[in-house]
Amino acid sequence: IWIRYAKKILVEEGHSLPHLVHIWQLVVRHASLFYSCRSQFVPQMVNSLSRLGLPQNSPQDNRKLSLDLAHLVVSWEKKRRQSSEVSSPVPCPAPGSGTEHKRQREEVGV
């Protein structure tokens, strides 16, 4: 339920930089809890990176937060890929299987 409130604050108060910083710090500190709902947060994370870290007058803490958010998005994606590889491994064709010979015939033009 508190994930829903975090999302609501981002939507309603996302224009306010202090609110934005507070919510993103919460997400970064409790990343494992937000992992299941990452699809709701990642687009807004990416959009807010430029507001947090790019301006010349942005504080060091905001720049660090933008780096932490980028790292979080990458780590969530790595975790998703690892879990998908474990749950559904893609079998590699064995040497000498039919696909190898078919590819050779297509290259030769037969």
PDB file of N, CA and C in Angstrom:
ATOM      1  N   ILE A   1       0.828  -1.201   0.000  1.00  0.00           N
ATOM      2  CA  ILE A   1       0.000   0.000   0.000  1.00  0.00           C
ATOM      3  C   ILE A   1       0.871   1.264   0.000  1.00  0.00           C
ATOM      4  N   TRP A   2       2.017   1.225   0.662  1.00  0.00           N
ATOM      5  CA  TRP A   2       2.869   2.420   0.695  1.00  0.00           C
ATOM      6  C   TRP A   2       3.553   2.641  -0.635  1.00  0.00           C
ATOM      7  N   ILE A   3       3.672   1.594  -1.454  1.00  0.00           N
ATOM      8  CA  ILE A   3       4.219   1.781  -2.801  1.00  0.00           C
ATOM      9  C   ILE A   3       3.240   2.605  -3.632  1.00  0.00           C
ATOM     10  N   ARG A   4       1.960   2.365  -3.412  1.00  0.00           N
ATOM     11  CA  ARG A   4       0.930   3.133  -4.111  1.00  0.00           C
ATOM     12  C   ARG A   4       1.008   4.612  -3.722  1.00  0.00           C
ATOM     13  N   TYR A   5       1.267   4.889  -2.446  1.00  0.00           N
ATOM     14  CA  TYR A   5       1.382   6.278  -2.005  1.00  0.00           C
ATOM     15  C   TYR A   5       2.634   6.945  -2.565  1.00  0.00           C
ATOM     16  N   ALA A   6       3.715   6.187  -2.673  1.00  0.00           N
ATOM     17  CA  ALA A   6       4.929   6.746  -3.275  1.00  0.00           C
ATOM     18  C   ALA A   6       4.666   7.114  -4.730  1.00  0.00           C
ATOM     19  N   LYS A   7       3.980   6.250  -5.433  1.00  0.00           N
ATOM     20  CA  LYS A   7       3.633   6.525  -6.831  1.00  0.00           C
ATOM     21  C   LYS A   7       2.705   7.744  -6.934  1.00  0.00           C
ATOM     22  N   LYS A   8       1.756   7.844  -6.028  1.00  0.00           N
ATOM     23  CA  LYS A   8       0.815   8.962  -6.026  1.00  0.00           C
ATOM     24  C   LYS A   8       1.545  10.288  -5.791  1.00  0.00           C
ATOM     25  N   ILE A   9       2.484  10.289  -4.868  1.00  0.00           N
ATOM     26  CA  ILE A   9       3.251  11.509  -4.590  1.00  0.00           C
ATOM     27  C   ILE A   9       4.097  11.889  -5.807  1.00  0.00           C
ATOM     28  N   LEU A  10       4.670  10.894  -6.467  1.00  0.00           N
ATOM     29  CA  LEU A  10       5.455  11.194  -7.666  1.00  0.00           C
ATOM     30  C   LEU A  10       4.602  11.838  -8.751  1.00  0.00           C
ATOM     31  N   VAL A  11       3.392  11.343  -8.915  1.00  0.00           N
ATOM     32  CA  VAL A  11       2.514  11.875  -9.957  1.00  0.00           C
ATOM     33  C   VAL A  11       2.008  13.267  -9.585  1.00  0.00           C
ATOM     34  N   GLU A  12       1.571  13.422  -8.329  1.00  0.00           N
ATOM     35  CA  GLU A  12       0.961  14.686  -7.916  1.00  0.00           C
ATOM     36  C   GLU A  12       1.975  15.757  -7.559  1.00  0.00           C
ATOM     37  N   GLU A  13       3.072  15.373  -6.936  1.00  0.00           N
ATOM     38  CA  GLU A  13       4.036  16.346  -6.444  1.00  0.00           C
ATOM     39  C   GLU A  13       5.381  16.246  -7.144  1.00  0.00           C
ATOM     40  N   GLY A  14       5.430  15.598  -8.300  1.00  0.00           N
ATOM     41  CA  GLY A  14       6.678  15.403  -9.024  1.00  0.00           C
ATOM     42  C   GLY A  14       7.314  16.684  -9.512  1.00  0.00           C
ATOM     43  N   HIS A  15       6.546  17.748  -9.602  1.00  0.00           N
ATOM     44  CA  HIS A  15       7.104  19.026 -10.039  1.00  0.00           C
ATOM     45  C   HIS A  15       7.939  19.685  -8.952  1.00  0.00           C
ATOM     46  N   SER A  16       7.730  19.279  -7.700  1.00  0.00           N
ATOM     47  CA  SER A  16       8.472  19.834  -6.569  1.00  0.00           C
ATOM     48  C   SER A  16       9.751  19.029  -6.362  1.00  0.00           C
ATOM     49  N   LEU A  17      10.890  19.675  -6.527  1.00  0.00           N
ATOM     50  CA  LEU A  17      12.164  18.979  -6.424  1.00  0.00           C
ATOM     51  C   LEU A  17      12.400  18.351  -5.049  1.00  0.00           C
ATOM     52  N   PRO A  18      12.075  19.006  -3.942  1.00  0.00           N
ATOM     53  CA  PRO A  18      12.268  18.349  -2.638  1.00  0.00           C
ATOM     54  C   PRO A  18      11.445  17.065  -2.478  1.00  0.00           C
ATOM     55  N   HIS A  19      10.208  17.070  -2.964  1.00  0.00           N
ATOM     56  CA  HIS A  19       9.399  15.851  -2.900  1.00  0.00           C
ATOM     57  C   HIS A  19      10.001  14.753  -3.781  1.00  0.00           C
ATOM     58  N   LEU A  20      10.435  15.146  -4.939  1.00  0.00           N
ATOM     59  CA  LEU A  20      11.033  14.201  -5.873  1.00  0.00           C
ATOM     60  C   LEU A  20      12.288  13.556  -5.272  1.00  0.00           C
ATOM     61  N   VAL A  21      13.135  14.370  -4.684  1.00  0.00           N
ATOM     62  CA  VAL A  21      14.361  13.866  -4.060  1.00  0.00           C
ATOM     63  C   VAL A  21      14.025  12.907  -2.926  1.00  0.00           C
ATOM     64  N   HIS A  22      13.060  13.269  -2.121  1.00  0.00           N
ATOM     65  CA  HIS A  22      12.690  12.432  -0.977  1.00  0.00           C
ATOM     66  C   HIS A  22      12.183  11.059  -1.436  1.00  0.00           C
ATOM     67  N   ILE A  23      11.299  11.034  -2.421  1.00  0.00           N
ATOM     68  CA  ILE A  23      10.747   9.773  -2.903  1.00  0.00           C
ATOM     69  C   ILE A  23      11.832   8.918  -3.547  1.00  0.00           C
ATOM     70  N   TRP A  24      12.716   9.535  -4.349  1.00  0.00           N
ATOM     71  CA  TRP A  24      13.763   8.740  -4.985  1.00  0.00           C
ATOM     72  C   TRP A  24      14.764   8.212  -3.973  1.00  0.00           C
ATOM     73  N   GLN A  25      15.025   8.965  -2.914  1.00  0.00           N
ATOM     74  CA  GLN A  25      15.888   8.438  -1.855  1.00  0.00           C
ATOM     75  C   GLN A  25      15.239   7.235  -1.183  1.00  0.00           C
ATOM     76  N   LEU A  26      13.946   7.292  -0.998  1.00  0.00           N
ATOM     77  CA  LEU A  26      13.216   6.166  -0.431  1.00  0.00           C
ATOM     78  C   LEU A  26      13.323   4.938  -1.340  1.00  0.00           C
ATOM     79  N   VAL A  27      13.153   5.128  -2.624  1.00  0.00           N
ATOM     80  CA  VAL A  27      13.231   4.023  -3.571  1.00  0.00           C
ATOM     81  C   VAL A  27      14.641   3.438  -3.601  1.00  0.00           C
ATOM     82  N   VAL A  28      15.662   4.280  -3.603  1.00  0.00           N
ATOM     83  CA  VAL A  28      17.042   3.797  -3.655  1.00  0.00           C
ATOM     84  C   VAL A  28      17.387   3.027  -2.382  1.00  0.00           C
ATOM     85  N   ARG A  29      16.956   3.516  -1.246  1.00  0.00           N
ATOM     86  CA  ARG A  29      17.280   2.851   0.025  1.00  0.00           C
ATOM     87  C   ARG A  29      16.554   1.520   0.187  1.00  0.00           C
ATOM     88  N   HIS A  30      15.377   1.404  -0.391  1.00  0.00           N
ATOM     89  CA  HIS A  30      14.571   0.181  -0.256  1.00  0.00           C
ATOM     90  C   HIS A  30      14.296  -0.420  -1.631  1.00  0.00           C
ATOM     91  N   ALA A  31      15.334  -0.574  -2.403  1.00  0.00           N
ATOM     92  CA  ALA A  31      15.201  -1.017  -3.798  1.00  0.00           C
ATOM     93  C   ALA A  31      14.575  -2.401  -3.917  1.00  0.00           C
ATOM     94  N   SER A  32      14.881  -3.291  -2.995  1.00  0.00           N
ATOM     95  CA  SER A  32      14.343  -4.648  -3.096  1.00  0.00           C
ATOM     96  C   SER A  32      12.822  -4.666  -2.899  1.00  0.00           C
ATOM     97  N   LEU A  33      12.302  -3.739  -2.115  1.00  0.00           N
ATOM     98  CA  LEU A  33      10.860  -3.679  -1.905  1.00  0.00           C
ATOM     99  C   LEU A  33      10.129  -3.115  -3.127  1.00  0.00           C
ATOM    100  N   PHE A  34      10.802  -2.245  -3.858  1.00  0.00           N
ATOM    101  CA  PHE A  34      10.194  -1.631  -5.033  1.00  0.00           C
ATOM    102  C   PHE A  34      10.426  -2.444  -6.301  1.00  0.00           C
ATOM    103  N   TYR A  35      11.203  -3.520  -6.223  1.00  0.00           N
ATOM    104  CA  TYR A  35      11.549  -4.290  -7.415  1.00  0.00           C
ATOM    105  C   TYR A  35      10.307  -4.844  -8.112  1.00  0.00           C
ATOM    106  N   SER A  36       9.361  -5.326  -7.344  1.00  0.00           N
ATOM    107  CA  SER A  36       8.167  -5.926  -7.958  1.00  0.00           C
ATOM    108  C   SER A  36       7.332  -4.893  -8.712  1.00  0.00           C
ATOM    109  N   CYS A  37       7.464  -3.633  -8.381  1.00  0.00           N
ATOM    110  CA  CYS A  37       6.692  -2.566  -9.032  1.00  0.00           C
ATOM    111  C   CYS A  37       7.573  -1.669  -9.892  1.00  0.00           C
ATOM    112  N   ARG A  38       8.711  -2.157 -10.293  1.00  0.00           N
ATOM    113  CA  ARG A  38       9.692  -1.321 -10.990  1.00  0.00           C
ATOM    114  C   ARG A  38       9.163  -0.738 -12.295  1.00  0.00           C
ATOM    115  N   SER A  39       8.271  -1.448 -12.956  1.00  0.00           N
ATOM    116  CA  SER A  39       7.760  -0.949 -14.236  1.00  0.00           C
ATOM    117  C   SER A  39       6.976   0.351 -14.067  1.00  0.00           C
ATOM    118  N   GLN A  40       6.446   0.587 -12.892  1.00  0.00           N
ATOM    119  CA  GLN A  40       5.715   1.828 -12.635  1.00  0.00           C
ATOM    120  C   GLN A  40       6.657   2.990 -12.342  1.00  0.00           C
ATOM    121  N   PHE A  41       7.876   2.689 -11.887  1.00  0.00           N
ATOM    122  CA  PHE A  41       8.784   3.746 -11.446  1.00  0.00           C
ATOM    123  C   PHE A  41       9.900   4.070 -12.430  1.00  0.00           C
ATOM    124  N   VAL A  42      10.339   3.107 -13.213  1.00  0.00           N
ATOM    125  CA  VAL A  42      11.502   3.313 -14.077  1.00  0.00           C
ATOM    126  C   VAL A  42      11.303   4.463 -15.075  1.00  0.00           C
ATOM    127  N   PRO A  43      10.172   4.591 -15.767  1.00  0.00           N
ATOM    128  CA  PRO A  43      10.036   5.722 -16.700  1.00  0.00           C
ATOM    129  C   PRO A  43      10.178   7.080 -16.006  1.00  0.00           C
ATOM    130  N   GLN A  44       9.611   7.202 -14.828  1.00  0.00           N
ATOM    131  CA  GLN A  44       9.731   8.472 -14.111  1.00  0.00           C
ATOM    132  C   GLN A  44      11.138   8.682 -13.563  1.00  0.00           C
ATOM    133  N   MET A  45      11.805   7.593 -13.219  1.00  0.00           N
ATOM    134  CA  MET A  45      13.205   7.706 -12.783  1.00  0.00           C
ATOM    135  C   MET A  45      14.047   8.297 -13.901  1.00  0.00           C
ATOM    136  N   VAL A  46      13.904   7.742 -15.081  1.00  0.00           N
ATOM    137  CA  VAL A  46      14.700   8.190 -16.215  1.00  0.00           C
ATOM    138  C   VAL A  46      14.383   9.651 -16.544  1.00  0.00           C
ATOM    139  N   ASN A  47      13.119  10.013 -16.496  1.00  0.00           N
ATOM    140  CA  ASN A  47      12.741  11.400 -16.785  1.00  0.00           C
ATOM    141  C   ASN A  47      13.261  12.384 -15.755  1.00  0.00           C
ATOM    142  N   SER A  48      13.371  11.961 -14.519  1.00  0.00           N
ATOM    143  CA  SER A  48      13.804  12.890 -13.473  1.00  0.00           C
ATOM    144  C   SER A  48      15.323  12.980 -13.336  1.00  0.00           C
ATOM    145  N   LEU A  49      16.070  12.127 -14.022  1.00  0.00           N
ATOM    146  CA  LEU A  49      17.529  12.185 -13.931  1.00  0.00           C
ATOM    147  C   LEU A  49      18.068  13.540 -14.379  1.00  0.00           C
ATOM    148  N   SER A  50      17.502  14.078 -15.435  1.00  0.00           N
ATOM    149  CA  SER A  50      17.994  15.364 -15.940  1.00  0.00           C
ATOM    150  C   SER A  50      17.674  16.504 -14.971  1.00  0.00           C
ATOM    151  N   ARG A  51      16.582  16.411 -14.256  1.00  0.00           N
ATOM    152  CA  ARG A  51      16.233  17.453 -13.275  1.00  0.00           C
ATOM    153  C   ARG A  51      17.114  17.382 -12.044  1.00  0.00           C
ATOM    154  N   LEU A  52      17.569  16.189 -11.713  1.00  0.00           N
ATOM    155  CA  LEU A  52      18.352  16.024 -10.493  1.00  0.00           C
ATOM    156  C   LEU A  52      19.827  16.341 -10.684  1.00  0.00           C
ATOM    157  N   GLY A  53      20.436  15.801 -11.714  1.00  0.00           N
ATOM    158  CA  GLY A  53      21.878  15.857 -11.799  1.00  0.00           C
ATOM    159  C   GLY A  53      22.487  16.760 -12.840  1.00  0.00           C
ATOM    160  N   LEU A  54      21.723  17.188 -13.842  1.00  0.00           N
ATOM    161  CA  LEU A  54      22.316  17.961 -14.921  1.00  0.00           C
ATOM    162  C   LEU A  54      22.503  19.455 -14.660  1.00  0.00           C
ATOM    163  N   PRO A  55      21.599  20.125 -13.959  1.00  0.00           N
ATOM    164  CA  PRO A  55      21.795  21.574 -13.782  1.00  0.00           C
ATOM    165  C   PRO A  55      23.118  21.889 -13.085  1.00  0.00           C
ATOM    166  N   GLN A  56      23.759  22.962 -13.526  1.00  0.00           N
ATOM    167  CA  GLN A  56      25.055  23.350 -12.957  1.00  0.00           C
ATOM    168  C   GLN A  56      24.976  23.674 -11.476  1.00  0.00           C
ATOM    169  N   ASN A  57      23.838  24.170 -11.025  1.00  0.00           N
ATOM    170  CA  ASN A  57      23.705  24.576  -9.629  1.00  0.00           C
ATOM    171  C   ASN A  57      23.090  23.487  -8.744  1.00  0.00           C
ATOM    172  N   SER A  58      22.976  22.262  -9.252  1.00  0.00           N
ATOM    173  CA  SER A  58      22.378  21.207  -8.439  1.00  0.00           C
ATOM    174  C   SER A  58      23.369  20.754  -7.359  1.00  0.00           C
ATOM    175  N   PRO A  59      22.860  20.494  -6.169  1.00  0.00           N
ATOM    176  CA  PRO A  59      23.737  20.073  -5.067  1.00  0.00           C
ATOM    177  C   PRO A  59      24.375  18.708  -5.329  1.00  0.00           C
ATOM    178  N   GLN A  60      25.477  18.459  -4.644  1.00  0.00           N
ATOM    179  CA  GLN A  60      26.186  17.183  -4.779  1.00  0.00           C
ATOM    180  C   GLN A  60      25.284  16.012  -4.441  1.00  0.00           C
ATOM    181  N   ASP A  61      24.438  16.167  -3.427  1.00  0.00           N
ATOM    182  CA  ASP A  61      23.541  15.078  -3.029  1.00  0.00           C
ATOM    183  C   ASP A  61      22.586  14.698  -4.158  1.00  0.00           C
ATOM    184  N   ASN A  62      22.089  15.690  -4.879  1.00  0.00           N
ATOM    185  CA  ASN A  62      21.192  15.407  -5.993  1.00  0.00           C
ATOM    186  C   ASN A  62      21.930  14.715  -7.132  1.00  0.00           C
ATOM    187  N   ARG A  63      23.162  15.104  -7.359  1.00  0.00           N
ATOM    188  CA  ARG A  63      23.953  14.448  -8.410  1.00  0.00           C
ATOM    189  C   ARG A  63      24.233  12.995  -8.036  1.00  0.00           C
ATOM    190  N   LYS A  64      24.541  12.773  -6.771  1.00  0.00           N
ATOM    191  CA  LYS A  64      24.781  11.413  -6.302  1.00  0.00           C
ATOM    192  C   LYS A  64      23.496  10.587  -6.412  1.00  0.00           C
ATOM    193  N   LEU A  65      22.377  11.196  -6.079  1.00  0.00           N
ATOM    194  CA  LEU A  65      21.095  10.510  -6.189  1.00  0.00           C
ATOM    195  C   LEU A  65      20.795  10.127  -7.634  1.00  0.00           C
ATOM    196  N   SER A  66      21.102  10.995  -8.575  1.00  0.00           N
ATOM    197  CA  SER A  66      20.859  10.660  -9.982  1.00  0.00           C
ATOM    198  C   SER A  66      21.740   9.495 -10.424  1.00  0.00           C
ATOM    199  N   LEU A  67      22.969   9.435  -9.938  1.00  0.00           N
ATOM    200  CA  LEU A  67      23.830   8.288 -10.241  1.00  0.00           C
ATOM    201  C   LEU A  67      23.296   7.016  -9.587  1.00  0.00           C
ATOM    202  N   ASP A  68      22.814   7.147  -8.356  1.00  0.00           N
ATOM    203  CA  ASP A  68      22.234   5.991  -7.665  1.00  0.00           C
ATOM    204  C   ASP A  68      20.997   5.471  -8.399  1.00  0.00           C
ATOM    205  N   LEU A  69      20.192   6.375  -8.908  1.00  0.00           N
ATOM    206  CA  LEU A  69      19.000   5.966  -9.668  1.00  0.00           C
ATOM    207  C   LEU A  69      19.386   5.239 -10.957  1.00  0.00           C
ATOM    208  N   ALA A  70      20.383   5.760 -11.653  1.00  0.00           N
ATOM    209  CA  ALA A  70      20.827   5.092 -12.880  1.00  0.00           C
ATOM    210  C   ALA A  70      21.381   3.704 -12.558  1.00  0.00           C
ATOM    211  N   HIS A  71      22.137   3.610 -11.483  1.00  0.00           N
ATOM    212  CA  HIS A  71      22.677   2.319 -11.064  1.00  0.00           C
ATOM    213  C   HIS A  71      21.543   1.367 -10.685  1.00  0.00           C
ATOM    214  N   LEU A  72      20.521   1.881 -10.030  1.00  0.00           N
ATOM    215  CA  LEU A  72      19.387   1.055  -9.631  1.00  0.00           C
ATOM    216  C   LEU A  72      18.645   0.499 -10.842  1.00  0.00           C
ATOM    217  N   VAL A  73      18.434   1.322 -11.843  1.00  0.00           N
ATOM    218  CA  VAL A  73      17.748   0.857 -13.054  1.00  0.00           C
ATOM    219  C   VAL A  73      18.559  -0.260 -13.710  1.00  0.00           C
ATOM    220  N   VAL A  74      19.868  -0.084 -13.786  1.00  0.00           N
ATOM    221  CA  VAL A  74      20.727  -1.102 -14.398  1.00  0.00           C
ATOM    222  C   VAL A  74      20.720  -2.380 -13.565  1.00  0.00           C
ATOM    223  N   SER A  75      20.793  -2.256 -12.249  1.00  0.00           N
ATOM    224  CA  SER A  75      20.813  -3.459 -11.400  1.00  0.00           C
ATOM    225  C   SER A  75      19.470  -4.189 -11.448  1.00  0.00           C
ATOM    226  N   TRP A  76      18.364  -3.455 -11.512  1.00  0.00           N
ATOM    227  CA  TRP A  76      17.054  -4.106 -11.655  1.00  0.00           C
ATOM    228  C   TRP A  76      16.983  -4.866 -12.976  1.00  0.00           C
ATOM    229  N   GLU A  77      17.523  -4.293 -14.039  1.00  0.00           N
ATOM    230  CA  GLU A  77      17.496  -4.962 -15.338  1.00  0.00           C
ATOM    231  C   GLU A  77      18.366  -6.220 -15.305  1.00  0.00           C
ATOM    232  N   LYS A  78      19.532  -6.135 -14.674  1.00  0.00           N
ATOM    233  CA  LYS A  78      20.382  -7.327 -14.552  1.00  0.00           C
ATOM    234  C   LYS A  78      19.675  -8.421 -13.762  1.00  0.00           C
ATOM    235  N   LYS A  79      19.017  -8.023 -12.687  1.00  0.00           N
ATOM    236  CA  LYS A  79      18.295  -8.999 -11.864  1.00  0.00           C
ATOM    237  C   LYS A  79      17.161  -9.640 -12.660  1.00  0.00           C
ATOM    238  N   ARG A  80      16.463  -8.848 -13.453  1.00  0.00           N
ATOM    239  CA  ARG A  80      15.378  -9.372 -14.278  1.00  0.00           C
ATOM    240  C   ARG A  80      15.906 -10.362 -15.307  1.00  0.00           C
ATOM    241  N   ARG A  81      17.024 -10.030 -15.936  1.00  0.00           N
ATOM    242  CA  ARG A  81      17.605 -10.930 -16.932  1.00  0.00           C
ATOM    243  C   ARG A  81      18.080 -12.231 -16.296  1.00  0.00           C
ATOM    244  N   GLN A  82      18.691 -12.140 -15.123  1.00  0.00           N
ATOM    245  CA  GLN A  82      19.153 -13.348 -14.443  1.00  0.00           C
ATOM    246  C   GLN A  82      17.989 -14.233 -14.061  1.00  0.00           C
ATOM    247  N   SER A  83      16.912 -13.639 -13.575  1.00  0.00           N
ATOM    248  CA  SER A  83      15.761 -14.449 -13.187  1.00  0.00           C
ATOM    249  C   SER A  83      15.074 -15.054 -14.410  1.00  0.00           C
ATOM    250  N   SER A  84      15.077 -14.356 -15.534  1.00  0.00           N
ATOM    251  CA  SER A  84      14.465 -14.922 -16.731  1.00  0.00           C
ATOM    252  C   SER A  84      15.333 -16.025 -17.323  1.00  0.00           C
ATOM    253  N   GLU A  85      16.649 -15.914 -17.188  1.00  0.00           N
ATOM    254  CA  GLU A  85      17.538 -16.978 -17.676  1.00  0.00           C
ATOM    255  C   GLU A  85      17.389 -18.234 -16.835  1.00  0.00           C
ATOM    256  N   VAL A  86      17.215 -18.061 -15.540  1.00  0.00           N
ATOM    257  CA  VAL A  86      17.066 -19.203 -14.653  1.00  0.00           C
ATOM    258  C   VAL A  86      15.726 -19.892 -14.880  1.00  0.00           C
ATOM    259  N   SER A  87      14.674 -19.117 -15.073  1.00  0.00           N
ATOM    260  CA  SER A  87      13.341 -19.690 -15.218  1.00  0.00           C
ATOM    261  C   SER A  87      13.110 -20.324 -16.588  1.00  0.00           C
ATOM    262  N   SER A  88      13.712 -19.781 -17.634  1.00  0.00           N
ATOM    263  CA  SER A  88      13.511 -20.343 -18.970  1.00  0.00           C
ATOM    264  C   SER A  88      14.815 -20.320 -19.755  1.00  0.00           C
ATOM    265  N   PRO A  89      15.693 -21.286 -19.507  1.00  0.00           N
ATOM    266  CA  PRO A  89      16.954 -21.304 -20.257  1.00  0.00           C
ATOM    267  C   PRO A  89      16.710 -21.620 -21.730  1.00  0.00           C
ATOM    268  N   VAL A  90      17.437 -20.947 -22.586  1.00  0.00           N
ATOM    269  CA  VAL A  90      17.324 -21.165 -24.021  1.00  0.00           C
ATOM    270  C   VAL A  90      18.320 -22.247 -24.406  1.00  0.00           C
ATOM    271  N   PRO A  91      17.843 -23.364 -24.952  1.00  0.00           N
ATOM    272  CA  PRO A  91      18.766 -24.433 -25.317  1.00  0.00           C
ATOM    273  C   PRO A  91      19.611 -24.038 -26.518  1.00  0.00           C
ATOM    274  N   CYS A  92      20.892 -24.319 -26.436  1.00  0.00           N
ATOM    275  CA  CYS A  92      21.795 -24.062 -27.547  1.00  0.00           C
ATOM    276  C   CYS A  92      21.790 -25.283 -28.455  1.00  0.00           C
ATOM    277  N   PRO A  93      21.765 -25.079 -29.749  1.00  0.00           N
ATOM    278  CA  PRO A  93      21.794 -26.234 -30.646  1.00  0.00           C
ATOM    279  C   PRO A  93      23.134 -26.943 -30.541  1.00  0.00           C
ATOM    280  N   ALA A  94      23.091 -28.247 -30.542  1.00  0.00           N
ATOM    281  CA  ALA A  94      24.303 -29.040 -30.451  1.00  0.00           C
ATOM    282  C   ALA A  94      25.037 -29.012 -31.778  1.00  0.00           C
ATOM    283  N   PRO A  95      26.364 -29.115 -31.747  1.00  0.00           N
ATOM    284  CA  PRO A  95      27.113 -29.161 -33.013  1.00  0.00           C
ATOM    285  C   PRO A  95      26.664 -30.367 -33.835  1.00  0.00           C
ATOM    286  N   GLY A  96      26.490 -30.149 -35.115  1.00  0.00           N
ATOM    287  CA  GLY A  96      26.065 -31.226 -35.990  1.00  0.00           C
ATOM    288  C   GLY A  96      24.560 -31.358 -36.075  1.00  0.00           C
ATOM    289  N   SER A  97      23.821 -30.432 -35.441  1.00  0.00           N
ATOM    290  CA  SER A  97      22.361 -30.506 -35.526  1.00  0.00           C
ATOM    291  C   SER A  97      21.910 -29.967 -36.879  1.00  0.00           C
ATOM    292  N   GLY A  98      20.652 -30.052 -37.132  1.00  0.00           N
ATOM    293  CA  GLY A  98      20.098 -29.673 -38.424  1.00  0.00           C
ATOM    294  C   GLY A  98      20.250 -28.207 -38.765  1.00  0.00           C
ATOM    295  N   THR A  99      20.252 -27.336 -37.792  1.00  0.00           N
ATOM    296  CA  THR A  99      20.324 -25.905 -38.090  1.00  0.00           C
ATOM    297  C   THR A  99      21.668 -25.524 -38.668  1.00  0.00           C
ATOM    298  N   GLU A 100      22.715 -26.187 -38.236  1.00  0.00           N
ATOM    299  CA  GLU A 100      24.043 -25.866 -38.739  1.00  0.00           C
ATOM    300  C   GLU A 100      24.150 -26.217 -40.222  1.00  0.00           C
ATOM    301  N   HIS A 101      23.642 -27.389 -40.602  1.00  0.00           N
ATOM    302  CA  HIS A 101      23.701 -27.822 -41.993  1.00  0.00           C
ATOM    303  C   HIS A 101      22.800 -26.966 -42.876  1.00  0.00           C
ATOM    304  N   LYS A 102      21.664 -26.560 -42.364  1.00  0.00           N
ATOM    305  CA  LYS A 102      20.743 -25.718 -43.129  1.00  0.00           C
ATOM    306  C   LYS A 102      21.403 -24.378 -43.429  1.00  0.00           C
ATOM    307  N   ARG A 103      22.095 -23.810 -42.440  1.00  0.00           N
ATOM    308  CA  ARG A 103      22.753 -22.524 -42.617  1.00  0.00           C
ATOM    309  C   ARG A 103      23.854 -22.645 -43.675  1.00  0.00           C
ATOM    310  N   GLN A 104      24.600 -23.748 -43.659  1.00  0.00           N
ATOM    311  CA  GLN A 104      25.659 -23.937 -44.642  1.00  0.00           C
ATOM    312  C   GLN A 104      25.069 -24.058 -46.053  1.00  0.00           C
ATOM    313  N   ARG A 105      23.945 -24.754 -46.169  1.00  0.00           N
ATOM    314  CA  ARG A 105      23.316 -24.914 -47.479  1.00  0.00           C
ATOM    315  C   ARG A 105      22.809 -23.574 -47.992  1.00  0.00           C
ATOM    316  N   GLU A 106      22.299 -22.712 -47.097  1.00  0.00           N
ATOM    317  CA  GLU A 106      21.801 -21.409 -47.524  1.00  0.00           C
ATOM    318  C   GLU A 106      22.942 -20.537 -47.996  1.00  0.00           C
ATOM    319  N   GLU A 107      24.117 -20.633 -47.351  1.00  0.00           N
ATOM    320  CA  GLU A 107      25.263 -19.826 -47.753  1.00  0.00           C
ATOM    321  C   GLU A 107      25.779 -20.253 -49.121  1.00  0.00           C
ATOM    322  N   VAL A 108      25.757 -21.542 -49.378  1.00  0.00           N
ATOM    323  CA  VAL A 108      26.239 -22.069 -50.651  1.00  0.00           C
ATOM    324  C   VAL A 108      25.237 -21.789 -51.763  1.00  0.00           C
ATOM    325  N   GLY A 109      23.954 -21.713 -51.391  1.00  0.00           N
ATOM    326  CA  GLY A 109      22.921 -21.431 -52.372  1.00  0.00           C
ATOM    327  C   GLY A 109      22.220 -22.690 -52.849  1.00  0.00           C
ATOM    328  N   VAL A 110      22.276 -23.734 -52.069  1.00  0.00           N
ATOM    329  CA  VAL A 110      21.638 -24.999 -52.441  1.00  0.00           C
ATOM    330  C   VAL A 110      20.236 -25.039 -51.909  1.00  0.00           C
TER     331      VAL A 110
END
